[in-house]
Structure formats: C-alpha cells, structure tokens
Amino acid sequence: IAVAAGGAHSLAWRRNGGVACWGWNNHGKAPPAGVEGDFVAIGAGVFFSAALRRDGSVACWGLNEYGQAPPAGLDGPFKTPEV
C-alpha cells in the first residue's frame, strides 16, 4: 500500500489494486471516484497522475499538455521480472 502527493492532490493505492484520489481535481488529476485497475505502483505530478499496472503498462490521467500523461497510457513492459 502506498501514498503519493502531487500538486494539490493525493493518491493512495488500495489493497484491491485500485487508486483512491482526493484534493483539487482540475484537469482530471484526482477523480473523486478513484481509478480502478490492477496497479502495483502509483505516482503523482503537479497536474497529472500515473500508475503502473501489474502487466507492466502505465495508466495516466490529468493534464497532458506536453505529452506527460497520455490518456491511452503507455504499453509496457515497464516492470522488473519479480513484479
């Protein structure tokens, strides 16, 4: 279980693999309903958030003005063999 703090928003990794979000949700960086998924790690930027899925792909949400959080995410694998 982990917590990440971004620009005026925070995230917590839930035991079920989803992400809880709270704080200022400008640009969709902290959706009140959270983000469902099978995540193994989370991260929060100033205007965006990201999470690593168990399959090694990355989910992104929030501001994508400079390509920092592509809505379709990123295909992996971004993981080590033990994850």
Protein backbone atom coordinates (compact mmCIF):
# COMPACT_ATOMS: atom_id res chain seq x y z
CA ILE A 1 0.00 0.00 0.00
CA ALA A 2 1.39 3.43 -0.91
CA VAL A 3 0.53 7.15 -0.87
CA ALA A 4 1.64 9.79 -3.39
CA ALA A 5 1.31 13.58 -3.12
CA GLY A 6 1.08 15.82 -6.18
CA GLY A 7 0.17 19.45 -6.82
CA ALA A 8 -2.86 19.98 -4.55
CA HIS A 9 -3.97 16.34 -4.83
CA SER A 10 -3.07 13.00 -3.31
CA LEU A 11 -3.40 9.34 -4.22
CA ALA A 12 -3.49 6.13 -2.23
CA TRP A 13 -3.01 2.64 -3.62
CA ARG A 14 -5.87 0.43 -2.43
CA ARG A 15 -5.48 -3.20 -1.37
CA ASN A 16 -7.71 -4.24 -4.28
CA GLY A 17 -5.24 -2.67 -6.76
CA GLY A 18 -7.28 0.47 -7.45
CA VAL A 19 -6.29 4.06 -6.70
CA ALA A 20 -8.14 6.44 -4.34
CA CYS A 21 -7.84 10.14 -5.25
CA TRP A 22 -8.64 13.32 -3.35
CA GLY A 23 -7.87 17.02 -3.47
CA TRP A 24 -8.14 19.53 -6.30
CA ASN A 25 -9.33 17.70 -9.42
CA ASN A 26 -8.53 20.31 -12.04
CA HIS A 27 -7.66 18.64 -15.36
CA GLY A 28 -8.98 15.31 -14.01
CA LYS A 29 -5.84 14.57 -11.99
CA ALA A 30 -7.78 13.34 -8.92
CA PRO A 31 -11.15 11.87 -9.93
CA PRO A 32 -13.32 11.57 -6.79
CA ALA A 33 -14.40 8.04 -7.73
CA GLY A 34 -10.76 6.99 -7.98
CA VAL A 35 -9.30 4.82 -10.71
CA GLU A 36 -9.97 1.10 -10.94
CA GLY A 37 -7.26 -1.28 -12.03
CA ASP A 38 -4.71 -3.88 -11.05
CA PHE A 39 -1.95 -1.44 -10.14
CA VAL A 40 1.32 -2.16 -8.35
CA ALA A 41 2.70 1.39 -8.02
CA ILE A 42 1.42 4.99 -8.13
CA GLY A 43 2.85 8.43 -8.78
CA ALA A 44 1.52 12.00 -8.71
CA GLY A 45 2.80 15.01 -10.59
CA VAL A 46 1.71 18.64 -10.34
CA PHE A 47 -1.15 18.35 -12.86
CA PHE A 48 -1.31 14.60 -13.59
CA SER A 49 -1.19 11.16 -12.01
CA ALA A 50 0.10 7.79 -13.18
CA ALA A 51 0.03 4.18 -12.05
CA LEU A 52 1.90 1.04 -13.08
CA ARG A 53 -0.33 -1.94 -13.87
CA ARG A 54 0.62 -5.49 -12.91
CA ASP A 55 1.03 -6.31 -16.64
CA GLY A 56 3.74 -3.63 -16.91
CA SER A 57 1.70 -0.98 -18.74
CA VAL A 58 1.14 2.52 -17.37
CA ALA A 59 -2.18 4.33 -16.86
CA CYS A 60 -2.16 8.15 -16.92
CA TRP A 61 -4.78 10.75 -16.11
CA GLY A 62 -4.84 14.53 -15.77
CA LEU A 63 -3.28 17.29 -17.86
CA ASN A 64 -1.45 16.08 -20.97
CA GLU A 65 -0.44 19.43 -22.47
CA TYR A 66 3.14 18.31 -23.15
CA GLY A 67 2.60 14.56 -23.52
CA GLN A 68 3.36 13.86 -19.86
CA ALA A 69 0.12 11.90 -19.26
CA PRO A 70 -1.22 10.33 -22.46
CA PRO A 71 -4.88 9.36 -21.85
CA ALA A 72 -4.36 5.97 -23.53
CA GLY A 73 -1.44 5.29 -21.18
CA LEU A 74 1.75 3.54 -22.26
CA ASP A 75 2.23 -0.05 -23.29
CA GLY A 76 4.86 -1.91 -21.32
CA PRO A 77 6.52 -3.75 -20.15
CA PHE A 78 7.72 -1.26 -17.55
CA LYS A 79 8.49 -3.71 -14.79
CA THR A 80 11.10 -5.94 -13.32
CA PRO A 81 10.67 -9.72 -13.54
CA GLU A 82 9.69 -10.03 -9.87
CA VAL A 83 6.69 -7.65 -10.14
